[in-house]
Amino acid sequence: MKSLIAVFAILIIPGFAQSTEVAITMDDFNVHEETHLPAEKRNEAILAALKKHKIKAALFVTCKHLKSPRDEKLLAEWSNQGHLIGNHTVNHNRFDAKVSVSDEIAEIQQCDEQLKSQKNFEKIFRFPMLAEGDTAEKRDAVRDWMKKNSYRNGHVTIDASDWYVDRRLRDKLATDPDFDLSKFRDFYLEHMWDRAQYYNDLSKKVLGHEVKHTLLVHYNLVNALFLDDLIAMFKKRGWKVIDAKKAFKDPVFTKLPNSMPSGQSLIWALAKESGKLEGELRYPGENDTYEKEKMDALGL
């Protein structure tokens, strides 16, 4: 009876709607990057934000960063807390003309060997820089290998430039250690909200409905500082932040866009394939040049 009432409410009652859903997915696990917070503190801060909001993220690991028992211990903290561990190759090379199909597959296999002992590791792979091959033939060859080896694509639906905000943040702190961090926080949150709105609107135009989104962020200083704020912002603005494993069950993640250039946000690729939204699709979808002028004007 309760389920029937819920369905009736959704169909009949004006303004009754389900919340847009989004999951946090984080790339790279660069525990050796120079920041104002050592890796242990970054790990602690990011995991604390996820725990505070009672959500499980997905961490796509670039395996070259696993150089020592300390690195393995930091990764195990993610796995032990129930977060999904995924494959992001060993060396994080763009799958372009310089990288062959055999090279790409070898990168996935080697990283798989390094990660498979983690109890929450799954065979889910995210292409570095979301580049799925410079030719359709190479793209399809890796897709075929993934299918035969029970790997699925850890697609991003909401792409953004948190990595560029992070770079600017670290550069600013290097010259002005006392700079007001709230200015970076405010810019970062509005940037991420803008990109979330764009890709969510794009999904409705292309698919006719919203999807369970996967938001791309990186293992960096900006998220160690502001991930709590980011999640809180989504909640405050009416979105529901869900576990990554739940998001990846959305049927949209089974789609194989035939568009070229391959990669980018899955929603971008589907929009490109549709041929209906060419005027709305910049390439690459996200880039530092799009945010540079705005950050320059704000002194960031």
C-alpha atoms as a PDB file:
ATOM      1  CA  MET A   1       0.000   0.000   0.000  1.00  0.00           C
ATOM      2  CA  LYS A   2       2.802   2.453   0.916  1.00  0.00           C
ATOM      3  CA  SER A   3       4.517   1.878  -2.417  1.00  0.00           C
ATOM      4  CA  LEU A   4       1.275   2.569  -4.275  1.00  0.00           C
ATOM      5  CA  ILE A   5       0.799   5.798  -2.361  1.00  0.00           C
ATOM      6  CA  ALA A   6       4.338   6.860  -3.223  1.00  0.00           C
ATOM      7  CA  VAL A   7       3.781   6.181  -6.920  1.00  0.00           C
ATOM      8  CA  PHE A   8       0.470   8.074  -6.812  1.00  0.00           C
ATOM      9  CA  ALA A   9       2.189  11.038  -5.132  1.00  0.00           C
ATOM     10  CA  ILE A  10       4.910  11.189  -7.749  1.00  0.00           C
ATOM     11  CA  LEU A  11       2.400  11.075 -10.605  1.00  0.00           C
ATOM     12  CA  ILE A  12      -0.340  13.277  -9.210  1.00  0.00           C
ATOM     13  CA  ILE A  13       0.831  15.708  -6.553  1.00  0.00           C
ATOM     14  CA  PRO A  14       2.301  18.895  -8.071  1.00  0.00           C
ATOM     15  CA  GLY A  15       5.860  19.577  -6.983  1.00  0.00           C
ATOM     16  CA  PHE A  16       6.410  16.062  -5.606  1.00  0.00           C
ATOM     17  CA  ALA A  17       9.580  14.716  -7.155  1.00  0.00           C
ATOM     18  CA  GLN A  18      12.489  12.493  -6.298  1.00  0.00           C
ATOM     19  CA  SER A  19      15.799  14.177  -5.541  1.00  0.00           C
ATOM     20  CA  THR A  20      18.553  14.220  -8.115  1.00  0.00           C
ATOM     21  CA  GLU A  21      21.148  11.654  -7.025  1.00  0.00           C
ATOM     22  CA  VAL A  22      24.928  11.932  -7.168  1.00  0.00           C
ATOM     23  CA  ALA A  23      27.858   9.830  -5.959  1.00  0.00           C
ATOM     24  CA  ILE A  24      31.420  10.886  -5.174  1.00  0.00           C
ATOM     25  CA  THR A  25      34.088   9.217  -7.311  1.00  0.00           C
ATOM     26  CA  MET A  26      37.709  10.172  -6.748  1.00  0.00           C
ATOM     27  CA  ASP A  27      40.680   9.664  -9.053  1.00  0.00           C
ATOM     28  CA  ASP A  28      44.417   9.033  -8.801  1.00  0.00           C
ATOM     29  CA  PHE A  29      45.230   8.526  -5.072  1.00  0.00           C
ATOM     30  CA  ASN A  30      48.392  10.592  -5.497  1.00  0.00           C
ATOM     31  CA  VAL A  31      49.792  10.284  -1.982  1.00  0.00           C
ATOM     32  CA  HIS A  32      53.151  11.684  -3.116  1.00  0.00           C
ATOM     33  CA  GLU A  33      51.972  15.043  -4.445  1.00  0.00           C
ATOM     34  CA  GLU A  34      53.427  18.065  -2.662  1.00  0.00           C
ATOM     35  CA  THR A  35      50.647  19.933  -0.863  1.00  0.00           C
ATOM     36  CA  HIS A  36      50.168  21.838   2.385  1.00  0.00           C
ATOM     37  CA  LEU A  37      48.778  18.656   3.912  1.00  0.00           C
ATOM     38  CA  PRO A  38      50.795  15.423   4.024  1.00  0.00           C
ATOM     39  CA  ALA A  39      49.157  12.317   2.584  1.00  0.00           C
ATOM     40  CA  GLU A  40      48.116  10.997   5.995  1.00  0.00           C
ATOM     41  CA  LYS A  41      46.258  14.225   6.776  1.00  0.00           C
ATOM     42  CA  ARG A  42      44.626  14.347   3.344  1.00  0.00           C
ATOM     43  CA  ASN A  43      43.496  10.749   3.707  1.00  0.00           C
ATOM     44  CA  GLU A  44      42.121  11.462   7.161  1.00  0.00           C
ATOM     45  CA  ALA A  45      40.243  14.588   6.058  1.00  0.00           C
ATOM     46  CA  ILE A  46      38.683  13.046   2.952  1.00  0.00           C
ATOM     47  CA  LEU A  47      37.604   9.875   4.718  1.00  0.00           C
ATOM     48  CA  ALA A  48      36.247  11.904   7.641  1.00  0.00           C
ATOM     49  CA  ALA A  49      34.046  13.928   5.281  1.00  0.00           C
ATOM     50  CA  LEU A  50      32.649  10.776   3.684  1.00  0.00           C
ATOM     51  CA  LYS A  51      32.058   9.197   7.105  1.00  0.00           C
ATOM     52  CA  LYS A  52      30.351  12.332   8.412  1.00  0.00           C
ATOM     53  CA  HIS A  53      27.823  12.192   5.566  1.00  0.00           C
ATOM     54  CA  LYS A  54      27.486   8.398   5.774  1.00  0.00           C
ATOM     55  CA  ILE A  55      28.322   7.733   2.136  1.00  0.00           C
ATOM     56  CA  LYS A  56      30.638   5.328   0.350  1.00  0.00           C
ATOM     57  CA  ALA A  57      32.691   6.703  -2.515  1.00  0.00           C
ATOM     58  CA  ALA A  58      34.630   5.082  -5.341  1.00  0.00           C
ATOM     59  CA  LEU A  59      38.413   5.552  -5.458  1.00  0.00           C
ATOM     60  CA  PHE A  60      40.112   4.916  -8.816  1.00  0.00           C
ATOM     61  CA  VAL A  61      43.748   4.210  -8.042  1.00  0.00           C
ATOM     62  CA  THR A  62      46.717   5.027 -10.256  1.00  0.00           C
ATOM     63  CA  CYS A  63      48.952   2.206  -9.120  1.00  0.00           C
ATOM     64  CA  LYS A  64      52.317   3.945  -9.586  1.00  0.00           C
ATOM     65  CA  HIS A  65      51.500   5.778  -6.368  1.00  0.00           C
ATOM     66  CA  LEU A  66      51.603   2.536  -4.372  1.00  0.00           C
ATOM     67  CA  LYS A  67      55.320   2.648  -3.632  1.00  0.00           C
ATOM     68  CA  SER A  68      55.569   1.641   0.019  1.00  0.00           C
ATOM     69  CA  PRO A  69      53.806  -0.127   2.891  1.00  0.00           C
ATOM     70  CA  ARG A  70      52.631   3.330   4.040  1.00  0.00           C
ATOM     71  CA  ASP A  71      50.857   3.860   0.707  1.00  0.00           C
ATOM     72  CA  GLU A  72      49.244   0.438   0.897  1.00  0.00           C
ATOM     73  CA  LYS A  73      48.113   1.195   4.455  1.00  0.00           C
ATOM     74  CA  LEU A  74      46.480   4.470   3.383  1.00  0.00           C
ATOM     75  CA  LEU A  75      44.642   2.662   0.594  1.00  0.00           C
ATOM     76  CA  ALA A  76      43.556  -0.114   2.949  1.00  0.00           C
ATOM     77  CA  GLU A  77      41.839   2.534   5.092  1.00  0.00           C
ATOM     78  CA  TRP A  78      39.534   3.243   2.133  1.00  0.00           C
ATOM     79  CA  SER A  79      38.823  -0.408   1.506  1.00  0.00           C
ATOM     80  CA  ASN A  80      38.296  -1.209   5.179  1.00  0.00           C
ATOM     81  CA  GLN A  81      35.767   1.611   5.461  1.00  0.00           C
ATOM     82  CA  GLY A  82      33.711   0.148   2.638  1.00  0.00           C
ATOM     83  CA  HIS A  83      34.646   2.394  -0.258  1.00  0.00           C
ATOM     84  CA  LEU A  84      34.811   0.914  -3.749  1.00  0.00           C
ATOM     85  CA  ILE A  85      38.356   0.493  -5.080  1.00  0.00           C
ATOM     86  CA  GLY A  86      38.758   0.729  -8.853  1.00  0.00           C
ATOM     87  CA  ASN A  87      41.508   0.552 -11.468  1.00  0.00           C
ATOM     88  CA  HIS A  88      42.984   3.712 -13.068  1.00  0.00           C
ATOM     89  CA  THR A  89      46.031   2.123 -14.784  1.00  0.00           C
ATOM     90  CA  VAL A  90      49.588   2.135 -13.469  1.00  0.00           C
ATOM     91  CA  ASN A  91      51.014   5.270 -15.066  1.00  0.00           C
ATOM     92  CA  HIS A  92      47.962   7.431 -15.886  1.00  0.00           C
ATOM     93  CA  ASN A  93      48.865   7.841 -19.548  1.00  0.00           C
ATOM     94  CA  ARG A  94      46.293   9.233 -21.967  1.00  0.00           C
ATOM     95  CA  PHE A  95      45.076   6.486 -24.321  1.00  0.00           C
ATOM     96  CA  ASP A  96      46.103   8.299 -27.492  1.00  0.00           C
ATOM     97  CA  ALA A  97      48.286   7.704 -30.542  1.00  0.00           C
ATOM     98  CA  LYS A  98      51.347   7.102 -28.328  1.00  0.00           C
ATOM     99  CA  VAL A  99      49.662   4.226 -26.457  1.00  0.00           C
ATOM    100  CA  SER A 100      48.790   0.956 -28.208  1.00  0.00           C
ATOM    101  CA  VAL A 101      45.916  -1.359 -27.339  1.00  0.00           C
ATOM    102  CA  SER A 102      48.365  -3.868 -25.872  1.00  0.00           C
ATOM    103  CA  ASP A 103      49.988  -1.114 -23.799  1.00  0.00           C
ATOM    104  CA  GLU A 104      46.622  -0.026 -22.396  1.00  0.00           C
ATOM    105  CA  ILE A 105      45.577  -3.565 -21.540  1.00  0.00           C
ATOM    106  CA  ALA A 106      48.948  -4.239 -19.881  1.00  0.00           C
ATOM    107  CA  GLU A 107      48.461  -1.119 -17.732  1.00  0.00           C
ATOM    108  CA  ILE A 108      45.047  -2.356 -16.590  1.00  0.00           C
ATOM    109  CA  GLN A 109      46.324  -5.867 -15.880  1.00  0.00           C
ATOM    110  CA  GLN A 110      49.337  -4.701 -13.880  1.00  0.00           C
ATOM    111  CA  CYS A 111      47.231  -2.363 -11.758  1.00  0.00           C
ATOM    112  CA  ASP A 112      44.708  -5.168 -11.252  1.00  0.00           C
ATOM    113  CA  GLU A 113      47.468  -7.315  -9.772  1.00  0.00           C
ATOM    114  CA  GLN A 114      48.383  -4.550  -7.326  1.00  0.00           C
ATOM    115  CA  LEU A 115      44.804  -3.902  -6.228  1.00  0.00           C
ATOM    116  CA  LYS A 116      43.122  -7.286  -6.136  1.00  0.00           C
ATOM    117  CA  SER A 117      44.119  -7.988  -2.534  1.00  0.00           C
ATOM    118  CA  GLN A 118      42.033  -5.004  -1.356  1.00  0.00           C
ATOM    119  CA  LYS A 119      38.786  -6.436   0.005  1.00  0.00           C
ATOM    120  CA  ASN A 120      36.591  -3.821  -1.698  1.00  0.00           C
ATOM    121  CA  PHE A 121      38.364  -3.940  -5.052  1.00  0.00           C
ATOM    122  CA  GLU A 122      36.080  -4.520  -8.014  1.00  0.00           C
ATOM    123  CA  LYS A 123      36.814  -4.912 -11.708  1.00  0.00           C
ATOM    124  CA  ILE A 124      35.793  -1.399 -12.633  1.00  0.00           C
ATOM    125  CA  PHE A 125      38.147   0.701 -14.747  1.00  0.00           C
ATOM    126  CA  ARG A 126      38.308   4.426 -15.426  1.00  0.00           C
ATOM    127  CA  PHE A 127      40.347   5.695 -18.343  1.00  0.00           C
ATOM    128  CA  PRO A 128      42.938   8.319 -17.352  1.00  0.00           C
ATOM    129  CA  MET A 129      41.738  11.799 -18.359  1.00  0.00           C
ATOM    130  CA  LEU A 130      38.550  10.034 -19.554  1.00  0.00           C
ATOM    131  CA  ALA A 131      40.283   9.295 -22.879  1.00  0.00           C
ATOM    132  CA  GLU A 132      38.958   6.029 -24.306  1.00  0.00           C
ATOM    133  CA  GLY A 133      41.146   5.829 -27.411  1.00  0.00           C
ATOM    134  CA  ASP A 134      42.152   8.064 -30.311  1.00  0.00           C
ATOM    135  CA  THR A 135      40.504   5.742 -32.851  1.00  0.00           C
ATOM    136  CA  ALA A 136      37.269   3.790 -32.833  1.00  0.00           C
ATOM    137  CA  GLU A 137      39.234   0.607 -33.504  1.00  0.00           C
ATOM    138  CA  LYS A 138      41.394   1.035 -30.407  1.00  0.00           C
ATOM    139  CA  ARG A 139      38.399   2.020 -28.297  1.00  0.00           C
ATOM    140  CA  ASP A 140      36.464  -1.045 -29.395  1.00  0.00           C
ATOM    141  CA  ALA A 141      39.429  -3.372 -28.893  1.00  0.00           C
ATOM    142  CA  VAL A 142      39.773  -2.344 -25.246  1.00  0.00           C
ATOM    143  CA  ARG A 143      36.009  -2.526 -24.772  1.00  0.00           C
ATOM    144  CA  ASP A 144      36.093  -6.075 -26.098  1.00  0.00           C
ATOM    145  CA  TRP A 145      38.935  -7.020 -23.740  1.00  0.00           C
ATOM    146  CA  MET A 146      37.101  -5.493 -20.797  1.00  0.00           C
ATOM    147  CA  LYS A 147      33.940  -7.446 -21.592  1.00  0.00           C
ATOM    148  CA  LYS A 148      35.855 -10.726 -21.907  1.00  0.00           C
ATOM    149  CA  ASN A 149      37.619 -10.073 -18.585  1.00  0.00           C
ATOM    150  CA  SER A 150      34.536  -8.979 -16.617  1.00  0.00           C
ATOM    151  CA  TYR A 151      35.646  -5.364 -16.394  1.00  0.00           C
ATOM    152  CA  ARG A 152      33.177  -2.490 -16.588  1.00  0.00           C
ATOM    153  CA  ASN A 153      33.771   1.168 -17.310  1.00  0.00           C
ATOM    154  CA  GLY A 154      33.770   3.482 -14.307  1.00  0.00           C
ATOM    155  CA  HIS A 155      32.203   6.307 -16.292  1.00  0.00           C
ATOM    156  CA  VAL A 156      31.930   9.879 -15.096  1.00  0.00           C
ATOM    157  CA  THR A 157      28.645  11.661 -15.723  1.00  0.00           C
ATOM    158  CA  ILE A 158      29.565  15.009 -14.110  1.00  0.00           C
ATOM    159  CA  ASP A 159      33.011  16.190 -15.155  1.00  0.00           C
ATOM    160  CA  ALA A 160      34.640  19.311 -13.696  1.00  0.00           C
ATOM    161  CA  SER A 161      37.963  21.088 -13.175  1.00  0.00           C
ATOM    162  CA  ASP A 162      38.656  20.567  -9.487  1.00  0.00           C
ATOM    163  CA  TRP A 163      42.222  19.653 -10.466  1.00  0.00           C
ATOM    164  CA  TYR A 164      42.754  23.139 -11.901  1.00  0.00           C
ATOM    165  CA  VAL A 165      41.268  24.855  -8.839  1.00  0.00           C
ATOM    166  CA  ASP A 166      43.615  22.704  -6.749  1.00  0.00           C
ATOM    167  CA  ARG A 167      46.633  23.744  -8.804  1.00  0.00           C
ATOM    168  CA  ARG A 168      45.747  27.419  -8.421  1.00  0.00           C
ATOM    169  CA  LEU A 169      45.170  26.934  -4.699  1.00  0.00           C
ATOM    170  CA  ARG A 170      48.583  25.369  -4.172  1.00  0.00           C
ATOM    171  CA  ASP A 171      50.300  28.030  -6.291  1.00  0.00           C
ATOM    172  CA  LYS A 172      48.582  30.794  -4.303  1.00  0.00           C
ATOM    173  CA  LEU A 173      49.545  29.293  -0.944  1.00  0.00           C
ATOM    174  CA  ALA A 174      53.140  28.959  -2.115  1.00  0.00           C
ATOM    175  CA  THR A 175      53.354  32.748  -2.518  1.00  0.00           C
ATOM    176  CA  ASP A 176      50.826  33.802   0.120  1.00  0.00           C
ATOM    177  CA  PRO A 177      50.488  31.220   2.924  1.00  0.00           C
ATOM    178  CA  ASP A 178      47.903  33.364   4.718  1.00  0.00           C
ATOM    179  CA  PHE A 179      45.563  33.775   1.759  1.00  0.00           C
ATOM    180  CA  ASP A 180      41.859  33.564   2.656  1.00  0.00           C
ATOM    181  CA  LEU A 181      40.907  29.980   1.790  1.00  0.00           C
ATOM    182  CA  SER A 182      37.205  30.785   1.876  1.00  0.00           C
ATOM    183  CA  LYS A 183      37.600  32.544  -1.476  1.00  0.00           C
ATOM    184  CA  PHE A 184      38.820  29.299  -3.060  1.00  0.00           C
ATOM    185  CA  ARG A 185      36.087  27.357  -1.273  1.00  0.00           C
ATOM    186  CA  ASP A 186      33.366  29.632  -2.591  1.00  0.00           C
ATOM    187  CA  PHE A 187      34.680  29.510  -6.162  1.00  0.00           C
ATOM    188  CA  TYR A 188      35.117  25.749  -6.002  1.00  0.00           C
ATOM    189  CA  LEU A 189      31.603  25.083  -4.754  1.00  0.00           C
ATOM    190  CA  GLU A 190      29.968  27.310  -7.357  1.00  0.00           C
ATOM    191  CA  HIS A 191      32.087  25.769 -10.118  1.00  0.00           C
ATOM    192  CA  MET A 192      31.087  22.260  -9.108  1.00  0.00           C
ATOM    193  CA  TRP A 193      27.430  23.241  -8.820  1.00  0.00           C
ATOM    194  CA  ASP A 194      27.512  24.866 -12.260  1.00  0.00           C
ATOM    195  CA  ARG A 195      28.985  21.739 -13.825  1.00  0.00           C
ATOM    196  CA  ALA A 196      26.509  19.483 -12.015  1.00  0.00           C
ATOM    197  CA  GLN A 197      23.613  21.566 -13.321  1.00  0.00           C
ATOM    198  CA  TYR A 198      24.993  21.492 -16.847  1.00  0.00           C
ATOM    199  CA  TYR A 199      25.448  17.727 -17.049  1.00  0.00           C
ATOM    200  CA  ASN A 200      22.155  17.020 -15.290  1.00  0.00           C
ATOM    201  CA  ASP A 201      20.311  19.245 -17.784  1.00  0.00           C
ATOM    202  CA  LEU A 202      22.212  17.541 -20.602  1.00  0.00           C
ATOM    203  CA  SER A 203      21.061  14.112 -19.383  1.00  0.00           C
ATOM    204  CA  LYS A 204      17.438  15.253 -19.490  1.00  0.00           C
ATOM    205  CA  LYS A 205      17.859  16.610 -23.023  1.00  0.00           C
ATOM    206  CA  VAL A 206      19.604  13.478 -24.304  1.00  0.00           C
ATOM    207  CA  LEU A 207      17.921  10.696 -22.310  1.00  0.00           C
ATOM    208  CA  GLY A 208      14.687  12.358 -21.280  1.00  0.00           C
ATOM    209  CA  HIS A 209      15.404  11.815 -17.589  1.00  0.00           C
ATOM    210  CA  GLU A 210      17.976  12.291 -14.864  1.00  0.00           C
ATOM    211  CA  VAL A 211      20.504   9.565 -14.079  1.00  0.00           C
ATOM    212  CA  LYS A 212      22.269   8.521 -10.917  1.00  0.00           C
ATOM    213  CA  HIS A 213      25.287  10.737 -11.388  1.00  0.00           C
ATOM    214  CA  THR A 214      28.940   9.991 -10.750  1.00  0.00           C
ATOM    215  CA  LEU A 215      30.851  13.166  -9.930  1.00  0.00           C
ATOM    216  CA  LEU A 216      34.560  13.280 -10.737  1.00  0.00           C
ATOM    217  CA  VAL A 217      36.867  14.757  -8.106  1.00  0.00           C
ATOM    218  CA  HIS A 218      40.518  14.116  -7.334  1.00  0.00           C
ATOM    219  CA  TYR A 219      42.616  13.070  -4.360  1.00  0.00           C
ATOM    220  CA  ASN A 220      44.080  16.494  -3.747  1.00  0.00           C
ATOM    221  CA  LEU A 221      44.325  19.412  -1.351  1.00  0.00           C
ATOM    222  CA  VAL A 222      41.153  21.170  -2.497  1.00  0.00           C
ATOM    223  CA  ASN A 223      39.062  18.121  -1.649  1.00  0.00           C
ATOM    224  CA  ALA A 224      40.877  17.470   1.614  1.00  0.00           C
ATOM    225  CA  LEU A 225      39.833  20.991   2.582  1.00  0.00           C
ATOM    226  CA  PHE A 226      36.391  21.284   0.998  1.00  0.00           C
ATOM    227  CA  LEU A 227      34.855  17.854   0.325  1.00  0.00           C
ATOM    228  CA  ASP A 228      32.667  18.208   3.420  1.00  0.00           C
ATOM    229  CA  ASP A 229      31.450  21.571   2.120  1.00  0.00           C
ATOM    230  CA  LEU A 230      30.857  20.119  -1.340  1.00  0.00           C
ATOM    231  CA  ILE A 231      28.682  17.270  -0.071  1.00  0.00           C
ATOM    232  CA  ALA A 232      26.811  19.624   2.259  1.00  0.00           C
ATOM    233  CA  MET A 233      26.156  21.982  -0.647  1.00  0.00           C
ATOM    234  CA  PHE A 234      24.561  19.258  -2.760  1.00  0.00           C
ATOM    235  CA  LYS A 235      22.350  18.259   0.152  1.00  0.00           C
ATOM    236  CA  LYS A 236      21.361  21.842   0.936  1.00  0.00           C
ATOM    237  CA  ARG A 237      20.382  22.412  -2.692  1.00  0.00           C
ATOM    238  CA  GLY A 238      18.113  19.387  -2.772  1.00  0.00           C
ATOM    239  CA  TRP A 239      20.322  16.669  -4.231  1.00  0.00           C
ATOM    240  CA  LYS A 240      20.750  13.272  -2.586  1.00  0.00           C
ATOM    241  CA  VAL A 241      24.336  12.050  -2.223  1.00  0.00           C
ATOM    242  CA  ILE A 242      24.391   8.269  -2.604  1.00  0.00           C
ATOM    243  CA  ASP A 243      26.907   5.431  -2.475  1.00  0.00           C
ATOM    244  CA  ALA A 244      28.991   4.947  -5.599  1.00  0.00           C
ATOM    245  CA  LYS A 245      28.056   1.271  -5.904  1.00  0.00           C
ATOM    246  CA  LYS A 246      24.396   2.284  -6.070  1.00  0.00           C
ATOM    247  CA  ALA A 247      25.074   4.931  -8.704  1.00  0.00           C
ATOM    248  CA  PHE A 248      26.951   2.515 -10.948  1.00  0.00           C
ATOM    249  CA  LYS A 249      23.867   0.262 -11.059  1.00  0.00           C
ATOM    250  CA  ASP A 250      22.032   2.854 -13.144  1.00  0.00           C
ATOM    251  CA  PRO A 251      21.344   1.373 -16.622  1.00  0.00           C
ATOM    252  CA  VAL A 252      23.048   4.350 -18.256  1.00  0.00           C
ATOM    253  CA  PHE A 253      26.421   2.838 -17.342  1.00  0.00           C
ATOM    254  CA  THR A 254      25.835  -0.102 -19.692  1.00  0.00           C
ATOM    255  CA  LYS A 255      25.718   2.197 -22.717  1.00  0.00           C
ATOM    256  CA  LEU A 256      28.572   2.206 -25.236  1.00  0.00           C
ATOM    257  CA  PRO A 257      28.577   5.546 -27.056  1.00  0.00           C
ATOM    258  CA  ASN A 258      29.834   5.370 -30.613  1.00  0.00           C
ATOM    259  CA  SER A 259      30.861   9.026 -30.764  1.00  0.00           C
ATOM    260  CA  MET A 260      34.350  10.302 -31.503  1.00  0.00           C
ATOM    261  CA  PRO A 261      36.466  11.684 -29.955  1.00  0.00           C
ATOM    262  CA  SER A 262      35.783   8.899 -27.474  1.00  0.00           C
ATOM    263  CA  GLY A 263      35.636   9.530 -23.775  1.00  0.00           C
ATOM    264  CA  GLN A 264      34.688  12.638 -21.801  1.00  0.00           C
ATOM    265  CA  SER A 265      31.632  12.506 -19.556  1.00  0.00           C
ATOM    266  CA  LEU A 266      29.338   9.618 -20.473  1.00  0.00           C
ATOM    267  CA  ILE A 267      26.511  12.128 -20.812  1.00  0.00           C
ATOM    268  CA  TRP A 268      28.700  14.267 -23.112  1.00  0.00           C
ATOM    269  CA  ALA A 269      29.467  11.219 -25.256  1.00  0.00           C
ATOM    270  CA  LEU A 270      25.801  10.263 -25.522  1.00  0.00           C
ATOM    271  CA  ALA A 271      24.928  13.844 -26.443  1.00  0.00           C
ATOM    272  CA  LYS A 272      27.659  13.819 -29.095  1.00  0.00           C
ATOM    273  CA  GLU A 273      26.332  10.550 -30.472  1.00  0.00           C
ATOM    274  CA  SER A 274      22.808  11.946 -30.691  1.00  0.00           C
ATOM    275  CA  GLY A 275      23.926  14.702 -33.051  1.00  0.00           C
ATOM    276  CA  LYS A 276      21.304  17.040 -31.611  1.00  0.00           C
ATOM    277  CA  LEU A 277      23.340  19.207 -29.279  1.00  0.00           C
ATOM    278  CA  GLU A 278      26.486  20.132 -31.159  1.00  0.00           C
ATOM    279  CA  GLY A 279      26.215  23.794 -30.164  1.00  0.00           C
ATOM    280  CA  GLU A 280      26.250  22.902 -26.470  1.00  0.00           C
ATOM    281  CA  LEU A 281      29.251  20.583 -26.507  1.00  0.00           C
ATOM    282  CA  ARG A 282      32.654  22.184 -26.085  1.00  0.00           C
ATOM    283  CA  TYR A 283      35.739  19.989 -26.493  1.00  0.00           C
ATOM    284  CA  PRO A 284      37.318  19.012 -24.266  1.00  0.00           C
ATOM    285  CA  GLY A 285      34.298  19.113 -22.018  1.00  0.00           C
ATOM    286  CA  GLU A 286      36.312  20.523 -19.107  1.00  0.00           C
ATOM    287  CA  ASN A 287      39.612  22.367 -19.350  1.00  0.00           C
ATOM    288  CA  ASP A 288      41.684  24.845 -17.359  1.00  0.00           C
ATOM    289  CA  THR A 289      41.195  27.539 -19.992  1.00  0.00           C
ATOM    290  CA  TYR A 290      37.473  27.729 -19.224  1.00  0.00           C
ATOM    291  CA  GLU A 291      38.094  28.746 -15.606  1.00  0.00           C
ATOM    292  CA  LYS A 292      41.308  30.754 -15.929  1.00  0.00           C
ATOM    293  CA  GLU A 293      39.777  34.157 -16.717  1.00  0.00           C
ATOM    294  CA  LYS A 294      37.248  33.883 -13.881  1.00  0.00           C
ATOM    295  CA  MET A 295      39.903  32.905 -11.355  1.00  0.00           C
ATOM    296  CA  ASP A 296      42.275  35.614 -12.567  1.00  0.00           C
ATOM    297  CA  ALA A 297      39.546  38.235 -12.089  1.00  0.00           C
ATOM    298  CA  LEU A 298      38.982  37.038  -8.521  1.00  0.00           C
ATOM    299  CA  GLY A 299      42.672  37.058  -7.683  1.00  0.00           C
ATOM    300  CA  LEU A 300      42.719  33.303  -7.138  1.00  0.00           C
END
